[in-house]
Amino acid sequence: MTGRTQVAVALGSNLGDRRGRILAAAEALTRLLGELRLSSLYETAPVDVVGTQGNFLNAAAIGVSSLTPEALLAALLAIEADAGRQRPHPGAPRTIDLDLVLHGQTVTTGPGVQVPHPRFRERRFVLDPLAEIAPDWVDPVTGLTIAALRQRLG
């Protein structure tokens, strides 16, 4: 266990009742983290997927956790599994996708978990909702705020 740390989670869905799945995942995150700030929902075209897929709904959530990054990631994977997430192959459609984006100012590249998420700086579908609710959060790797990272994407 660590102290209470602010965490950021990206949420996405492109199967079935996308809005309902994101809101259900946000409820599960609230049970896990206590108070939760959830961004607006953003509809985005699929990125890094296999085959033709429907658009995603994406959001970001900010909460506080006493879990280590590894334990929090395991909890996120359990929420995905409870929501019916299957992983037949990389880039498959998703009932729900929960990514641990930031864990305070932690930087770790251990087996099974990388924090900050290694590709979040390149993804508008993560940065748009995250900039809405945490524009001043500083990325511990680049030293840039979320708002500045978002601006760099154009």
N, C-alpha and C. Protein backbone atom coordinates (compact mmCIF):
# COMPACT_ATOMS: atom_id res chain seq x y z
N MET A 1 0.84 -1.18 0.00
CA MET A 1 0.00 0.00 0.00
C MET A 1 0.88 1.25 0.00
N THR A 2 0.37 2.27 -0.61
CA THR A 2 1.04 3.56 -0.60
C THR A 2 0.12 4.55 0.08
N GLY A 3 0.56 5.80 0.18
CA GLY A 3 -0.33 6.85 0.66
C GLY A 3 -1.44 7.09 -0.33
N ARG A 4 -2.35 7.99 -0.01
CA ARG A 4 -3.45 8.31 -0.93
C ARG A 4 -2.88 9.13 -2.08
N THR A 5 -3.08 8.65 -3.29
CA THR A 5 -2.50 9.24 -4.49
C THR A 5 -3.58 9.54 -5.50
N GLN A 6 -3.50 10.70 -6.15
CA GLN A 6 -4.44 11.02 -7.21
C GLN A 6 -4.11 10.15 -8.42
N VAL A 7 -5.16 9.60 -9.03
CA VAL A 7 -4.98 8.72 -10.19
C VAL A 7 -5.90 9.16 -11.32
N ALA A 8 -5.46 8.89 -12.54
CA ALA A 8 -6.26 9.19 -13.73
C ALA A 8 -6.47 7.89 -14.51
N VAL A 9 -7.72 7.67 -14.90
CA VAL A 9 -8.10 6.48 -15.64
C VAL A 9 -8.82 6.91 -16.91
N ALA A 10 -8.44 6.32 -18.05
CA ALA A 10 -9.14 6.56 -19.31
C ALA A 10 -10.16 5.44 -19.49
N LEU A 11 -11.35 5.82 -19.96
CA LEU A 11 -12.44 4.87 -20.18
C LEU A 11 -12.83 4.92 -21.65
N GLY A 12 -13.13 3.77 -22.23
CA GLY A 12 -13.59 3.73 -23.61
C GLY A 12 -14.46 2.52 -23.86
N SER A 13 -15.37 2.65 -24.83
CA SER A 13 -16.24 1.55 -25.22
C SER A 13 -16.66 1.75 -26.67
N ASN A 14 -16.66 0.63 -27.44
CA ASN A 14 -17.20 0.72 -28.80
C ASN A 14 -18.12 -0.46 -29.13
N LEU A 15 -18.68 -1.09 -28.11
CA LEU A 15 -19.62 -2.18 -28.31
C LEU A 15 -20.88 -1.97 -27.48
N GLY A 16 -22.02 -2.23 -28.11
CA GLY A 16 -23.28 -2.21 -27.38
C GLY A 16 -23.64 -0.83 -26.87
N ASP A 17 -24.19 -0.77 -25.67
CA ASP A 17 -24.60 0.47 -25.03
C ASP A 17 -23.35 1.16 -24.47
N ARG A 18 -22.64 1.86 -25.34
CA ARG A 18 -21.36 2.47 -24.97
C ARG A 18 -21.50 3.41 -23.78
N ARG A 19 -22.50 4.29 -23.83
CA ARG A 19 -22.70 5.25 -22.74
C ARG A 19 -23.00 4.52 -21.43
N GLY A 20 -23.90 3.54 -21.50
CA GLY A 20 -24.25 2.77 -20.30
C GLY A 20 -23.06 2.04 -19.73
N ARG A 21 -22.22 1.50 -20.60
CA ARG A 21 -21.04 0.77 -20.13
C ARG A 21 -20.04 1.71 -19.45
N ILE A 22 -19.86 2.90 -20.01
CA ILE A 22 -18.93 3.86 -19.39
C ILE A 22 -19.48 4.32 -18.05
N LEU A 23 -20.77 4.61 -17.98
CA LEU A 23 -21.35 5.05 -16.71
C LEU A 23 -21.31 3.94 -15.66
N ALA A 24 -21.52 2.69 -16.08
CA ALA A 24 -21.41 1.57 -15.14
C ALA A 24 -19.96 1.41 -14.65
N ALA A 25 -19.01 1.57 -15.56
CA ALA A 25 -17.61 1.49 -15.15
C ALA A 25 -17.26 2.63 -14.21
N ALA A 26 -17.82 3.83 -14.45
CA ALA A 26 -17.58 4.96 -13.55
C ALA A 26 -18.14 4.67 -12.16
N GLU A 27 -19.30 4.00 -12.10
CA GLU A 27 -19.85 3.62 -10.79
C GLU A 27 -18.91 2.64 -10.09
N ALA A 28 -18.38 1.67 -10.83
CA ALA A 28 -17.43 0.72 -10.25
C ALA A 28 -16.17 1.43 -9.78
N LEU A 29 -15.70 2.40 -10.56
CA LEU A 29 -14.53 3.18 -10.14
C LEU A 29 -14.82 3.99 -8.89
N THR A 30 -16.04 4.51 -8.78
CA THR A 30 -16.41 5.26 -7.58
C THR A 30 -16.36 4.35 -6.36
N ARG A 31 -16.84 3.11 -6.49
CA ARG A 31 -16.76 2.16 -5.37
C ARG A 31 -15.31 1.86 -5.02
N LEU A 32 -14.44 1.81 -6.02
CA LEU A 32 -13.03 1.50 -5.81
C LEU A 32 -12.26 2.68 -5.22
N LEU A 33 -12.54 3.87 -5.73
CA LEU A 33 -11.72 5.04 -5.40
C LEU A 33 -12.41 6.03 -4.46
N GLY A 34 -13.69 5.85 -4.21
CA GLY A 34 -14.41 6.86 -3.44
C GLY A 34 -14.89 7.94 -4.39
N GLU A 35 -14.67 9.17 -4.04
CA GLU A 35 -15.12 10.28 -4.89
C GLU A 35 -14.42 10.22 -6.25
N LEU A 36 -15.18 10.53 -7.29
CA LEU A 36 -14.65 10.43 -8.65
C LEU A 36 -15.11 11.63 -9.45
N ARG A 37 -14.19 12.21 -10.22
CA ARG A 37 -14.56 13.24 -11.20
C ARG A 37 -14.52 12.59 -12.57
N LEU A 38 -15.64 12.69 -13.29
CA LEU A 38 -15.75 12.10 -14.61
C LEU A 38 -15.90 13.21 -15.64
N SER A 39 -15.15 13.10 -16.73
CA SER A 39 -15.24 14.08 -17.82
C SER A 39 -16.54 13.89 -18.58
N SER A 40 -16.75 14.76 -19.53
CA SER A 40 -17.81 14.55 -20.52
C SER A 40 -17.44 13.33 -21.36
N LEU A 41 -18.41 12.86 -22.14
CA LEU A 41 -18.16 11.75 -23.06
C LEU A 41 -17.76 12.32 -24.41
N TYR A 42 -16.78 11.70 -25.04
CA TYR A 42 -16.25 12.14 -26.34
C TYR A 42 -16.39 10.99 -27.32
N GLU A 43 -17.00 11.24 -28.46
CA GLU A 43 -17.09 10.22 -29.51
C GLU A 43 -15.87 10.36 -30.41
N THR A 44 -15.19 9.24 -30.63
CA THR A 44 -13.96 9.27 -31.41
C THR A 44 -13.90 8.09 -32.37
N ALA A 45 -13.18 8.28 -33.45
CA ALA A 45 -12.93 7.19 -34.39
C ALA A 45 -11.96 6.20 -33.75
N PRO A 46 -12.07 4.92 -34.10
CA PRO A 46 -11.16 3.93 -33.53
C PRO A 46 -9.71 4.17 -33.96
N VAL A 47 -8.78 3.90 -33.05
CA VAL A 47 -7.35 4.04 -33.29
C VAL A 47 -6.68 2.73 -32.87
N ASP A 48 -5.74 2.26 -33.67
CA ASP A 48 -4.99 1.04 -33.35
C ASP A 48 -5.90 -0.16 -33.14
N VAL A 49 -6.86 -0.35 -34.05
CA VAL A 49 -7.77 -1.49 -33.95
C VAL A 49 -7.61 -2.40 -35.15
N VAL A 50 -8.19 -3.57 -35.06
CA VAL A 50 -8.15 -4.54 -36.15
C VAL A 50 -9.51 -4.56 -36.83
N GLY A 51 -9.51 -4.43 -38.16
CA GLY A 51 -10.76 -4.49 -38.92
C GLY A 51 -11.58 -3.23 -38.76
N THR A 52 -12.78 -3.28 -39.34
CA THR A 52 -13.71 -2.16 -39.26
C THR A 52 -14.46 -2.24 -37.94
N GLN A 53 -14.43 -1.15 -37.19
CA GLN A 53 -15.11 -1.10 -35.90
C GLN A 53 -15.87 0.20 -35.77
N GLY A 54 -16.87 0.17 -34.90
CA GLY A 54 -17.64 1.37 -34.63
C GLY A 54 -16.86 2.37 -33.82
N ASN A 55 -17.37 3.62 -33.80
CA ASN A 55 -16.74 4.67 -33.02
C ASN A 55 -16.74 4.34 -31.53
N PHE A 56 -15.79 4.92 -30.84
CA PHE A 56 -15.70 4.79 -29.39
C PHE A 56 -16.40 5.95 -28.72
N LEU A 57 -16.88 5.72 -27.52
CA LEU A 57 -17.15 6.79 -26.56
C LEU A 57 -16.00 6.71 -25.58
N ASN A 58 -15.42 7.86 -25.26
CA ASN A 58 -14.30 7.93 -24.34
C ASN A 58 -14.59 8.93 -23.25
N ALA A 59 -13.95 8.73 -22.12
CA ALA A 59 -14.03 9.65 -20.99
C ALA A 59 -12.75 9.49 -20.18
N ALA A 60 -12.58 10.36 -19.21
CA ALA A 60 -11.48 10.24 -18.25
C ALA A 60 -12.06 10.42 -16.86
N ALA A 61 -11.44 9.79 -15.90
CA ALA A 61 -11.87 9.90 -14.51
C ALA A 61 -10.66 10.17 -13.63
N ILE A 62 -10.88 10.98 -12.61
CA ILE A 62 -9.85 11.29 -11.62
C ILE A 62 -10.38 10.86 -10.26
N GLY A 63 -9.56 10.16 -9.52
CA GLY A 63 -9.91 9.75 -8.17
C GLY A 63 -8.66 9.68 -7.32
N VAL A 64 -8.82 9.15 -6.12
CA VAL A 64 -7.70 9.02 -5.19
C VAL A 64 -7.65 7.57 -4.72
N SER A 65 -6.45 7.00 -4.72
CA SER A 65 -6.30 5.60 -4.37
C SER A 65 -5.15 5.39 -3.40
N SER A 66 -5.30 4.39 -2.55
CA SER A 66 -4.18 3.97 -1.70
C SER A 66 -3.52 2.72 -2.27
N LEU A 67 -3.99 2.26 -3.43
CA LEU A 67 -3.42 1.07 -4.06
C LEU A 67 -2.15 1.41 -4.82
N THR A 68 -1.25 0.45 -4.90
CA THR A 68 -0.07 0.60 -5.75
C THR A 68 -0.54 0.60 -7.21
N PRO A 69 0.28 1.06 -8.14
CA PRO A 69 -0.11 0.99 -9.54
C PRO A 69 -0.46 -0.44 -9.98
N GLU A 70 0.30 -1.41 -9.52
CA GLU A 70 0.05 -2.81 -9.89
C GLU A 70 -1.31 -3.28 -9.38
N ALA A 71 -1.62 -2.97 -8.13
CA ALA A 71 -2.89 -3.39 -7.54
C ALA A 71 -4.06 -2.65 -8.19
N LEU A 72 -3.86 -1.37 -8.49
CA LEU A 72 -4.92 -0.61 -9.14
C LEU A 72 -5.18 -1.15 -10.54
N LEU A 73 -4.13 -1.46 -11.29
CA LEU A 73 -4.31 -2.03 -12.62
C LEU A 73 -5.07 -3.35 -12.53
N ALA A 74 -4.73 -4.19 -11.56
CA ALA A 74 -5.45 -5.46 -11.38
C ALA A 74 -6.93 -5.21 -11.10
N ALA A 75 -7.24 -4.18 -10.30
CA ALA A 75 -8.64 -3.84 -10.01
C ALA A 75 -9.35 -3.35 -11.27
N LEU A 76 -8.66 -2.58 -12.10
CA LEU A 76 -9.26 -2.11 -13.36
C LEU A 76 -9.55 -3.29 -14.30
N LEU A 77 -8.62 -4.23 -14.37
CA LEU A 77 -8.83 -5.42 -15.20
C LEU A 77 -10.02 -6.24 -14.69
N ALA A 78 -10.20 -6.29 -13.37
CA ALA A 78 -11.35 -7.02 -12.79
C ALA A 78 -12.66 -6.33 -13.15
N ILE A 79 -12.68 -4.99 -13.14
CA ILE A 79 -13.88 -4.25 -13.54
C ILE A 79 -14.20 -4.54 -15.01
N GLU A 80 -13.16 -4.55 -15.86
CA GLU A 80 -13.36 -4.89 -17.27
C GLU A 80 -13.95 -6.29 -17.42
N ALA A 81 -13.39 -7.25 -16.71
CA ALA A 81 -13.87 -8.64 -16.80
C ALA A 81 -15.32 -8.74 -16.34
N ASP A 82 -15.65 -8.05 -15.25
CA ASP A 82 -17.04 -8.05 -14.75
C ASP A 82 -18.00 -7.47 -15.77
N ALA A 83 -17.51 -6.56 -16.61
CA ALA A 83 -18.34 -5.92 -17.64
C ALA A 83 -18.35 -6.71 -18.95
N GLY A 84 -17.73 -7.89 -18.94
CA GLY A 84 -17.77 -8.74 -20.12
C GLY A 84 -16.66 -8.50 -21.12
N ARG A 85 -15.62 -7.79 -20.73
CA ARG A 85 -14.51 -7.53 -21.66
C ARG A 85 -13.83 -8.84 -22.02
N GLN A 86 -13.68 -9.07 -23.30
CA GLN A 86 -12.94 -10.21 -23.80
C GLN A 86 -11.76 -9.69 -24.61
N ARG A 87 -10.70 -10.46 -24.66
CA ARG A 87 -9.49 -10.06 -25.37
C ARG A 87 -9.09 -11.16 -26.36
N PRO A 88 -9.88 -11.33 -27.43
CA PRO A 88 -9.54 -12.39 -28.39
C PRO A 88 -8.25 -12.10 -29.15
N HIS A 89 -7.92 -10.80 -29.34
CA HIS A 89 -6.68 -10.42 -30.01
C HIS A 89 -6.46 -8.92 -29.75
N PRO A 90 -5.21 -8.45 -29.87
CA PRO A 90 -4.96 -7.01 -29.71
C PRO A 90 -5.76 -6.21 -30.73
N GLY A 91 -6.33 -5.10 -30.29
CA GLY A 91 -7.10 -4.24 -31.19
C GLY A 91 -8.53 -4.70 -31.40
N ALA A 92 -8.99 -5.70 -30.63
CA ALA A 92 -10.37 -6.19 -30.77
C ALA A 92 -11.34 -5.15 -30.22
N PRO A 93 -12.62 -5.20 -30.64
CA PRO A 93 -13.63 -4.30 -30.08
C PRO A 93 -13.71 -4.48 -28.56
N ARG A 94 -14.17 -3.43 -27.89
CA ARG A 94 -14.16 -3.43 -26.43
C ARG A 94 -15.53 -3.07 -25.86
N THR A 95 -16.03 -3.93 -24.96
CA THR A 95 -17.22 -3.55 -24.20
C THR A 95 -16.85 -2.39 -23.30
N ILE A 96 -15.69 -2.51 -22.65
CA ILE A 96 -15.15 -1.42 -21.82
C ILE A 96 -13.64 -1.58 -21.77
N ASP A 97 -12.97 -0.47 -21.81
CA ASP A 97 -11.51 -0.43 -21.73
C ASP A 97 -11.15 0.58 -20.66
N LEU A 98 -10.41 0.15 -19.65
CA LEU A 98 -9.98 1.03 -18.58
C LEU A 98 -8.46 1.02 -18.55
N ASP A 99 -7.87 2.18 -18.79
CA ASP A 99 -6.41 2.30 -18.77
C ASP A 99 -5.96 3.20 -17.63
N LEU A 100 -5.00 2.71 -16.86
CA LEU A 100 -4.38 3.54 -15.83
C LEU A 100 -3.42 4.49 -16.54
N VAL A 101 -3.78 5.77 -16.54
CA VAL A 101 -2.99 6.76 -17.28
C VAL A 101 -1.91 7.37 -16.39
N LEU A 102 -2.32 7.84 -15.21
CA LEU A 102 -1.39 8.47 -14.28
C LEU A 102 -1.67 7.99 -12.86
N HIS A 103 -0.61 7.87 -12.08
CA HIS A 103 -0.70 7.48 -10.67
C HIS A 103 0.18 8.47 -9.92
N GLY A 104 -0.43 9.64 -9.60
CA GLY A 104 0.35 10.71 -8.99
C GLY A 104 1.50 11.10 -9.88
N GLN A 105 2.69 11.16 -9.30
CA GLN A 105 3.89 11.45 -10.06
C GLN A 105 4.77 10.21 -10.24
N THR A 106 4.14 9.04 -10.07
CA THR A 106 4.85 7.77 -10.20
C THR A 106 5.29 7.53 -11.64
N VAL A 107 6.50 7.05 -11.78
CA VAL A 107 7.01 6.58 -13.07
C VAL A 107 7.52 5.16 -12.83
N THR A 108 6.90 4.20 -13.51
CA THR A 108 7.32 2.81 -13.37
C THR A 108 7.16 2.09 -14.69
N THR A 109 8.11 1.24 -14.98
CA THR A 109 8.06 0.45 -16.21
C THR A 109 8.22 -1.03 -15.87
N GLY A 110 7.68 -1.41 -14.72
CA GLY A 110 7.79 -2.79 -14.28
C GLY A 110 7.03 -3.75 -15.17
N PRO A 111 7.26 -5.03 -14.96
CA PRO A 111 6.54 -6.02 -15.76
C PRO A 111 5.04 -5.94 -15.48
N GLY A 112 4.27 -5.82 -16.57
CA GLY A 112 2.82 -5.81 -16.42
C GLY A 112 2.19 -4.45 -16.22
N VAL A 113 2.96 -3.45 -15.81
CA VAL A 113 2.38 -2.11 -15.61
C VAL A 113 3.39 -1.05 -16.01
N GLN A 114 2.90 -0.07 -16.77
CA GLN A 114 3.72 1.09 -17.12
C GLN A 114 2.91 2.33 -16.78
N VAL A 115 3.48 3.16 -15.92
CA VAL A 115 2.84 4.41 -15.51
C VAL A 115 3.88 5.50 -15.61
N PRO A 116 3.54 6.62 -16.26
CA PRO A 116 2.33 6.91 -16.99
C PRO A 116 2.12 5.94 -18.15
N HIS A 117 0.87 5.87 -18.60
CA HIS A 117 0.56 5.01 -19.74
C HIS A 117 1.47 5.42 -20.89
N PRO A 118 2.14 4.48 -21.54
CA PRO A 118 3.18 4.83 -22.51
C PRO A 118 2.72 5.59 -23.74
N ARG A 119 1.44 5.51 -24.10
CA ARG A 119 1.00 6.18 -25.33
C ARG A 119 -0.02 7.30 -25.08
N PHE A 120 -0.27 7.66 -23.83
CA PHE A 120 -1.33 8.64 -23.59
C PHE A 120 -1.03 10.01 -24.17
N ARG A 121 0.24 10.37 -24.29
CA ARG A 121 0.61 11.70 -24.80
C ARG A 121 0.29 11.87 -26.28
N GLU A 122 0.08 10.76 -26.99
CA GLU A 122 -0.18 10.78 -28.44
C GLU A 122 -1.66 10.62 -28.76
N ARG A 123 -2.50 10.50 -27.77
CA ARG A 123 -3.90 10.12 -28.00
C ARG A 123 -4.87 11.21 -27.57
N ARG A 124 -5.47 11.84 -28.57
CA ARG A 124 -6.47 12.88 -28.27
C ARG A 124 -7.64 12.31 -27.49
N PHE A 125 -7.99 11.04 -27.76
CA PHE A 125 -9.13 10.45 -27.07
C PHE A 125 -8.87 10.26 -25.57
N VAL A 126 -7.62 10.37 -25.14
CA VAL A 126 -7.27 10.39 -23.72
C VAL A 126 -7.08 11.83 -23.26
N LEU A 127 -6.33 12.61 -24.04
CA LEU A 127 -5.98 13.97 -23.61
C LEU A 127 -7.17 14.94 -23.62
N ASP A 128 -8.10 14.81 -24.56
CA ASP A 128 -9.26 15.71 -24.57
C ASP A 128 -10.06 15.60 -23.28
N PRO A 129 -10.52 14.41 -22.89
CA PRO A 129 -11.27 14.34 -21.64
C PRO A 129 -10.42 14.62 -20.41
N LEU A 130 -9.16 14.21 -20.42
CA LEU A 130 -8.31 14.46 -19.26
C LEU A 130 -8.03 15.95 -19.09
N ALA A 131 -7.85 16.66 -20.20
CA ALA A 131 -7.61 18.11 -20.12
C ALA A 131 -8.84 18.84 -19.60
N GLU A 132 -10.02 18.28 -19.82
CA GLU A 132 -11.25 18.88 -19.31
C GLU A 132 -11.28 18.89 -17.78
N ILE A 133 -10.80 17.80 -17.15
CA ILE A 133 -10.94 17.67 -15.69
C ILE A 133 -9.64 17.84 -14.92
N ALA A 134 -8.49 17.80 -15.61
CA ALA A 134 -7.20 17.92 -14.92
C ALA A 134 -6.17 18.63 -15.79
N PRO A 135 -6.47 19.83 -16.29
CA PRO A 135 -5.56 20.49 -17.23
C PRO A 135 -4.19 20.83 -16.64
N ASP A 136 -4.12 21.01 -15.33
CA ASP A 136 -2.86 21.43 -14.70
C ASP A 136 -2.03 20.27 -14.15
N TRP A 137 -2.52 19.05 -14.29
CA TRP A 137 -1.75 17.90 -13.82
C TRP A 137 -0.48 17.81 -14.65
N VAL A 138 0.66 17.68 -14.01
CA VAL A 138 1.96 17.64 -14.70
C VAL A 138 2.37 16.20 -14.95
N ASP A 139 2.65 15.90 -16.21
CA ASP A 139 3.17 14.59 -16.60
C ASP A 139 4.57 14.46 -16.00
N PRO A 140 4.80 13.42 -15.17
CA PRO A 140 6.10 13.30 -14.50
C PRO A 140 7.26 12.99 -15.44
N VAL A 141 6.99 12.57 -16.66
CA VAL A 141 8.06 12.25 -17.61
C VAL A 141 8.49 13.49 -18.39
N THR A 142 7.53 14.24 -18.94
CA THR A 142 7.87 15.38 -19.78
C THR A 142 7.94 16.70 -19.00
N GLY A 143 7.30 16.75 -17.84
CA GLY A 143 7.22 18.00 -17.09
C GLY A 143 6.18 18.96 -17.64
N LEU A 144 5.40 18.51 -18.62
CA LEU A 144 4.35 19.33 -19.23
C LEU A 144 3.00 19.05 -18.59
N THR A 145 2.14 20.07 -18.56
CA THR A 145 0.80 19.86 -18.06
C THR A 145 -0.02 19.09 -19.09
N ILE A 146 -1.13 18.54 -18.63
CA ILE A 146 -2.04 17.84 -19.54
C ILE A 146 -2.51 18.81 -20.63
N ALA A 147 -2.83 20.05 -20.24
CA ALA A 147 -3.27 21.05 -21.22
C ALA A 147 -2.19 21.29 -22.28
N ALA A 148 -0.93 21.37 -21.87
CA ALA A 148 0.16 21.59 -22.83
C ALA A 148 0.35 20.38 -23.73
N LEU A 149 0.25 19.18 -23.17
CA LEU A 149 0.35 17.97 -24.00
C LEU A 149 -0.76 17.94 -25.04
N ARG A 150 -1.98 18.31 -24.61
CA ARG A 150 -3.13 18.35 -25.52
C ARG A 150 -2.89 19.37 -26.63
N GLN A 151 -2.37 20.53 -26.25
CA GLN A 151 -2.12 21.60 -27.22
C GLN A 151 -1.09 21.17 -28.28
N ARG A 152 -0.11 20.39 -27.85
CA ARG A 152 0.93 19.93 -28.78
C ARG A 152 0.37 19.06 -29.90
N LEU A 153 -0.76 18.40 -29.65
CA LEU A 153 -1.35 17.55 -30.68
C LEU A 153 -2.06 18.34 -31.77
N GLY A 154 -2.35 19.61 -31.48
CA GLY A 154 -3.02 20.45 -32.48
C GLY A 154 -4.50 20.27 -32.50
